[in-house]
Amino acid sequence: MQKANIVLKFLRHFFTARHTKGYGVHSPYLFNFVRFVIRERNKYYLYDDIEKLRSQLLTDSRQIEVTDFGTGYNRSRKVSDIAAHSLLPAKHAQLLFRMVKHFKPVTILELGTSLGLSTAYMASNSSNCRCISLEGCPQTASIARENFSKLQLKNITIVEGDIDKTLLPVLAELNKLDFVFIDANHTSRALIMYFEACVRYVDRNTVMVFDDNHWSDDMEIAWNAIKKHEKVKSTIDLFRLGIVFFNTDLNKKDYKIRY
């Protein structure tokens, strides 16, 4: 039932969104972002390394105990099952890479490491970039660390534990956010709480990206609330990902784009 609902939501998005290379986007700042980041089709060498790792994870038969603070119960899952159903698709993960390449954040904060492929895409841009990723499940975090080691990424720190409890101390330590990717507890309560905690540390150059905004009616409630927040200036809805800008030169406007 949920899968059918997502399909209907996607069709609604598809037929109401712009199929644009930036034309129709009035802000030069966002026009360049759409044309040269979202629509860029260059293939970077590291894509192959990370996607080779994805292929290995899709055949990894190891069974791990998944700690889920969102639902409140643990369950046993194969790594291959997590790779098949929980990882961000390649084209969206590669968009995260291009966004980080474009905005050049010094610090990246990720909520929800999973097996670490999205983390790897973001952290691969520069060894001088610091990436802090919060993950609730210790065994999932362990697999992610294996993956970072295979990719020789040394600029990633995983903070384990219930994100509801670990987020505030991490934010206090960082003090300022450059780039944030949120892919954690898929409830409006959690998403709004994460956003409200993070928004206190943004400036005009901060960019936030949210995964699965249309995953459920409940998640859409949170996404709509975020778009209306007084600090949010413009948003881009790609259906799977929602991108939020705080640049005070932008007019308050929400864009829907096919991707």
Protein backbone atom coordinates (compact mmCIF):
# COMPACT_ATOMS: atom_id res chain seq x y z
CA MET A 1 0.00 0.00 0.00
CA GLN A 2 2.81 2.38 0.93
CA LYS A 3 4.69 1.60 -2.30
CA ALA A 4 1.59 2.38 -4.37
CA ASN A 5 1.15 5.65 -2.45
CA ILE A 6 4.75 6.66 -3.21
CA VAL A 7 4.22 5.93 -6.91
CA LEU A 8 1.15 8.18 -6.94
CA LYS A 9 3.10 10.92 -5.16
CA PHE A 10 5.92 10.60 -7.70
CA LEU A 11 3.52 10.86 -10.64
CA ARG A 12 1.97 13.97 -9.10
CA HIS A 13 5.45 15.46 -8.68
CA PHE A 14 6.49 14.48 -12.21
CA PHE A 15 3.55 16.16 -13.89
CA THR A 16 3.69 19.33 -11.79
CA ALA A 17 7.48 19.81 -11.71
CA ARG A 18 9.60 21.69 -14.19
CA HIS A 19 11.77 19.75 -16.62
CA THR A 20 14.37 22.49 -16.72
CA LYS A 21 18.07 23.09 -17.12
CA GLY A 22 17.71 26.19 -14.97
CA TYR A 23 15.50 28.21 -17.29
CA GLY A 24 12.49 29.48 -15.39
CA VAL A 25 14.58 29.75 -12.21
CA HIS A 26 14.89 33.52 -11.70
CA SER A 27 17.73 33.65 -9.18
CA PRO A 28 21.21 33.58 -10.85
CA TYR A 29 22.48 31.71 -7.77
CA LEU A 30 19.92 28.92 -8.18
CA PHE A 31 20.04 29.02 -11.99
CA ASN A 32 23.76 28.16 -11.85
CA PHE A 33 23.09 25.50 -9.24
CA VAL A 34 20.42 23.79 -11.36
CA ARG A 35 22.36 24.05 -14.61
CA PHE A 36 25.86 23.21 -13.42
CA VAL A 37 25.24 20.95 -10.42
CA ILE A 38 21.88 19.21 -10.71
CA ARG A 39 22.11 18.82 -14.51
CA GLU A 40 25.82 18.07 -14.69
CA ARG A 41 26.50 14.69 -16.27
CA ASN A 42 30.29 14.38 -15.90
CA LYS A 43 31.44 11.06 -14.50
CA TYR A 44 34.07 11.40 -11.80
CA TYR A 45 36.63 8.65 -11.30
CA LEU A 46 35.60 7.94 -7.70
CA TYR A 47 32.07 7.02 -8.80
CA ASP A 48 33.39 3.67 -10.03
CA ASP A 49 35.15 2.92 -6.74
CA ILE A 50 32.07 3.61 -4.63
CA GLU A 51 29.68 1.83 -6.98
CA LYS A 52 31.97 -1.21 -7.05
CA LEU A 53 31.64 -1.23 -3.27
CA ARG A 54 27.83 -0.98 -3.60
CA SER A 55 27.89 -4.08 -5.82
CA GLN A 56 29.86 -5.96 -3.18
CA LEU A 57 27.41 -4.93 -0.45
CA LEU A 58 24.48 -6.14 -2.57
CA THR A 59 25.94 -9.67 -2.39
CA ASP A 60 27.12 -9.48 1.26
CA SER A 61 25.31 -12.28 3.10
CA ARG A 62 26.45 -11.28 6.60
CA GLN A 63 23.63 -11.01 9.12
CA ILE A 64 23.77 -8.10 11.55
CA GLU A 65 21.59 -6.94 14.42
CA VAL A 66 20.07 -3.58 13.47
CA THR A 67 19.35 -1.22 16.36
CA ASP A 68 16.45 1.04 15.37
CA PHE A 69 15.78 3.90 17.78
CA GLY A 70 13.02 5.18 15.51
CA THR A 71 10.79 2.12 15.85
CA GLY A 72 12.11 1.11 19.26
CA TYR A 73 13.01 -2.48 18.42
CA ASN A 74 15.96 -4.39 16.98
CA ARG A 75 15.92 -6.91 14.16
CA SER A 76 18.30 -9.10 12.25
CA ARG A 77 19.00 -8.13 8.62
CA LYS A 78 21.40 -9.16 5.90
CA VAL A 79 23.85 -6.51 4.76
CA SER A 80 22.67 -7.18 1.19
CA ASP A 81 19.09 -6.36 2.21
CA ILE A 82 20.18 -3.06 3.75
CA ALA A 83 22.17 -2.25 0.62
CA ALA A 84 19.20 -3.02 -1.62
CA HIS A 85 16.55 -1.10 0.31
CA SER A 86 18.19 1.55 2.51
CA LEU A 87 21.03 3.09 0.52
CA LEU A 88 20.56 6.29 -1.47
CA PRO A 89 20.43 5.48 -5.22
CA ALA A 90 23.62 6.19 -7.14
CA LYS A 91 22.33 9.21 -9.07
CA HIS A 92 21.20 10.95 -5.89
CA ALA A 93 24.36 10.06 -3.96
CA GLN A 94 26.41 11.41 -6.86
CA LEU A 95 24.39 14.61 -6.73
CA LEU A 96 25.47 14.96 -3.08
CA PHE A 97 29.07 14.66 -4.30
CA ARG A 98 28.52 17.42 -6.87
CA MET A 99 26.81 19.65 -4.30
CA VAL A 100 29.75 19.33 -1.92
CA LYS A 101 32.14 19.95 -4.82
CA HIS A 102 30.17 23.09 -5.73
CA PHE A 103 29.66 24.60 -2.27
CA LYS A 104 33.02 23.49 -0.79
CA PRO A 105 31.89 23.10 2.83
CA VAL A 106 34.56 22.81 5.48
CA THR A 107 32.29 20.73 7.69
CA ILE A 108 29.62 18.22 6.65
CA LEU A 109 27.07 16.83 9.08
CA GLU A 110 25.15 13.68 8.16
CA LEU A 111 22.29 12.21 10.18
CA GLY A 112 21.99 8.50 9.34
CA THR A 113 25.21 6.83 8.15
CA SER A 114 23.70 3.46 7.16
CA LEU A 115 26.44 1.54 5.28
CA GLY A 116 28.28 4.76 4.51
CA LEU A 117 28.04 5.17 0.75
CA SER A 118 26.39 8.61 0.85
CA THR A 119 28.95 9.59 3.46
CA ALA A 120 31.74 8.41 1.16
CA TYR A 121 30.42 10.40 -1.78
CA MET A 122 30.33 13.59 0.29
CA ALA A 123 33.66 13.09 2.05
CA SER A 124 35.55 12.13 -1.13
CA ASN A 125 35.65 15.71 -2.41
CA SER A 126 38.56 16.83 -0.26
CA SER A 127 40.72 15.38 2.48
CA ASN A 128 40.55 18.82 4.11
CA CYS A 129 36.79 18.51 4.51
CA ARG A 130 35.60 17.15 7.85
CA CYS A 131 32.56 14.84 7.75
CA ILE A 132 30.71 13.90 10.95
CA SER A 133 28.07 11.21 10.54
CA LEU A 134 25.58 10.18 13.23
CA GLU A 135 24.40 6.56 13.30
CA GLY A 136 22.21 4.82 15.84
CA CYS A 137 23.16 1.21 15.08
CA PRO A 138 26.64 0.03 16.22
CA GLN A 139 26.80 -2.94 13.84
CA THR A 140 25.75 -0.84 10.85
CA ALA A 141 28.35 1.76 11.83
CA SER A 142 30.96 -1.01 11.93
CA ILE A 143 30.21 -1.99 8.33
CA ALA A 144 30.39 1.69 7.33
CA ARG A 145 33.85 1.99 8.91
CA GLU A 146 34.98 -1.05 6.90
CA ASN A 147 33.79 0.70 3.75
CA PHE A 148 35.58 3.95 4.60
CA SER A 149 38.77 1.95 5.15
CA LYS A 150 38.41 0.24 1.76
CA LEU A 151 38.00 3.64 0.12
CA GLN A 152 40.90 5.07 2.17
CA LEU A 153 38.77 7.88 3.57
CA LYS A 154 40.23 9.28 6.77
CA ASN A 155 38.20 12.48 7.15
CA ILE A 156 35.01 10.84 8.46
CA THR A 157 33.99 10.51 12.11
CA ILE A 158 31.02 8.34 13.04
CA VAL A 159 29.17 9.22 16.24
CA GLU A 160 27.22 6.19 17.46
CA GLY A 161 24.05 6.28 19.55
CA ASP A 162 20.48 7.54 19.53
CA ILE A 163 20.56 10.64 17.30
CA ASP A 164 17.92 12.25 19.51
CA LYS A 165 20.63 12.30 22.20
CA THR A 166 23.87 12.67 20.22
CA LEU A 167 22.83 15.52 17.90
CA LEU A 168 22.86 18.43 20.35
CA PRO A 169 26.37 17.75 21.73
CA VAL A 170 27.72 17.39 18.17
CA LEU A 171 26.10 20.68 17.13
CA ALA A 172 27.53 22.44 20.18
CA GLU A 173 30.99 21.17 19.28
CA LEU A 174 30.71 22.18 15.61
CA ASN A 175 29.10 25.57 16.40
CA LYS A 176 28.45 26.28 12.67
CA LEU A 177 27.01 24.15 9.88
CA ASP A 178 28.14 24.34 6.26
CA PHE A 179 26.39 21.34 4.69
CA VAL A 180 23.84 18.98 6.26
CA PHE A 181 22.35 15.76 4.91
CA ILE A 182 19.48 14.24 6.91
CA ASP A 183 18.48 10.63 6.26
CA ALA A 184 17.55 9.24 9.65
CA ASN A 185 14.30 8.57 11.53
CA HIS A 186 11.49 8.83 8.95
CA THR A 187 8.87 10.54 11.10
CA SER A 188 7.73 14.16 11.07
CA ARG A 189 8.44 14.45 14.79
CA ALA A 190 12.07 13.44 14.33
CA LEU A 191 12.64 15.39 11.12
CA ILE A 192 11.28 18.63 12.55
CA MET A 193 13.28 18.12 15.74
CA TYR A 194 16.49 17.56 13.75
CA PHE A 195 15.82 20.60 11.57
CA GLU A 196 15.01 22.90 14.49
CA ALA A 197 18.17 21.79 16.28
CA CYS A 198 20.35 22.35 13.19
CA VAL A 199 18.78 25.61 12.03
CA ARG A 200 20.21 27.42 15.05
CA TYR A 201 23.69 26.85 13.60
CA VAL A 202 23.15 27.91 9.98
CA ASP A 203 24.32 31.01 8.16
CA ARG A 204 23.54 32.39 4.71
CA ASN A 205 25.87 29.87 3.04
CA THR A 206 24.51 26.76 4.72
CA VAL A 207 22.78 24.13 2.58
CA MET A 208 20.60 21.36 4.00
CA VAL A 209 19.49 18.28 2.08
CA PHE A 210 16.66 15.99 3.20
CA ASP A 211 16.06 12.45 1.96
CA ASP A 212 12.66 10.79 1.47
CA ASN A 213 10.51 13.91 2.01
CA HIS A 214 7.61 12.18 0.22
CA TRP A 215 8.14 8.75 1.80
CA SER A 216 4.86 9.14 3.73
CA ASP A 217 2.14 11.71 4.39
CA ASP A 218 3.77 12.22 7.78
CA MET A 219 7.14 13.08 6.20
CA GLU A 220 5.43 15.51 3.83
CA ILE A 221 3.98 17.34 6.85
CA ALA A 222 7.52 17.91 8.10
CA TRP A 223 8.82 18.96 4.67
CA ASN A 224 6.03 21.52 4.27
CA ALA A 225 6.73 22.91 7.74
CA ILE A 226 10.44 23.24 6.93
CA LYS A 227 9.71 25.11 3.70
CA LYS A 228 7.67 27.67 5.65
CA HIS A 229 10.32 28.31 8.30
CA GLU A 230 11.33 31.98 8.53
CA LYS A 231 15.04 31.26 7.99
CA VAL A 232 14.44 29.19 4.85
CA LYS A 233 14.71 31.37 1.72
CA SER A 234 14.36 28.94 -1.19
CA THR A 235 13.90 25.20 -1.64
CA ILE A 236 14.27 22.74 -4.51
CA ASP A 237 12.16 19.59 -4.43
CA LEU A 238 13.58 16.74 -6.53
CA PHE A 239 11.04 14.31 -5.02
CA ARG A 240 13.62 11.96 -3.51
CA LEU A 241 15.70 14.84 -2.16
CA GLY A 242 14.68 18.23 -0.81
CA ILE A 243 17.32 20.99 -0.86
CA VAL A 244 17.07 24.00 1.45
CA PHE A 245 18.90 27.32 1.07
CA PHE A 246 19.29 30.07 3.68
CA ASN A 247 20.96 32.66 1.45
CA THR A 248 19.35 35.99 2.35
CA ASP A 249 19.78 37.28 -1.22
CA LEU A 250 17.18 34.76 -2.38
CA ASN A 251 13.47 35.40 -2.57
CA LYS A 252 11.12 33.11 -0.69
CA LYS A 253 10.29 30.52 -3.35
CA ASP A 254 9.86 26.74 -3.66
CA TYR A 255 10.86 24.99 -6.89
CA LYS A 256 9.83 21.50 -8.01
CA ILE A 257 12.19 19.97 -10.57
CA ARG A 258 12.20 16.60 -12.31
CA TYR A 259 15.37 14.65 -11.67
